């Protein structure tokens, strides 16, 4: 998922204002859970919550005021991500696994990148006019990866228990180059 906003120079001759705003919102839930009064008897039991690929969130805002006269430019990039990946055995569930395995697995991959900056190559100082600019990048991430047995659940026997494997990468850049 991505959003790109660009307020590049449009070449007008009067005083100007350029603003770019890019916003992304991603909300995902991947949940695998045995709940209620479920009783399983098996050689092995697997409870798996998995995102098959990488969730990628990108917000990019490029600012540039479109004049040769004094001007103001700004860029705002915002990414809000709420990603939950959960696997488990509920508090009233029971799994009898005849001495073999109970696997509870939660696996997620999430990459968020947010950038707010001036348009590449922008240099308001070359014409001798005043240019004022601001760039703000905001990256809000609430990511949970959980593999758990709830209090009160009853796994009778198992030889291994597999847990969560989160992979989260966040990047935020904001800046400008006043020359």
Foldseek 3Di string as FASTA:
>chain_A
DEWEWEQAAPAAADEWEKETEWEEEEEEEFEWEADDAAEEEEQEAETETEDPDEAEYEYEYAWDIHHLAEYEIEYETEYAYEYEWETEYDQNYEYENPQEAYEFETEHHYEYEYEWEYDPPDASPPSPHHYYYFYYYYYHYHYYTWGDYDHNYHYPHHDDYHIYDYHYHYYYYTDYDHD
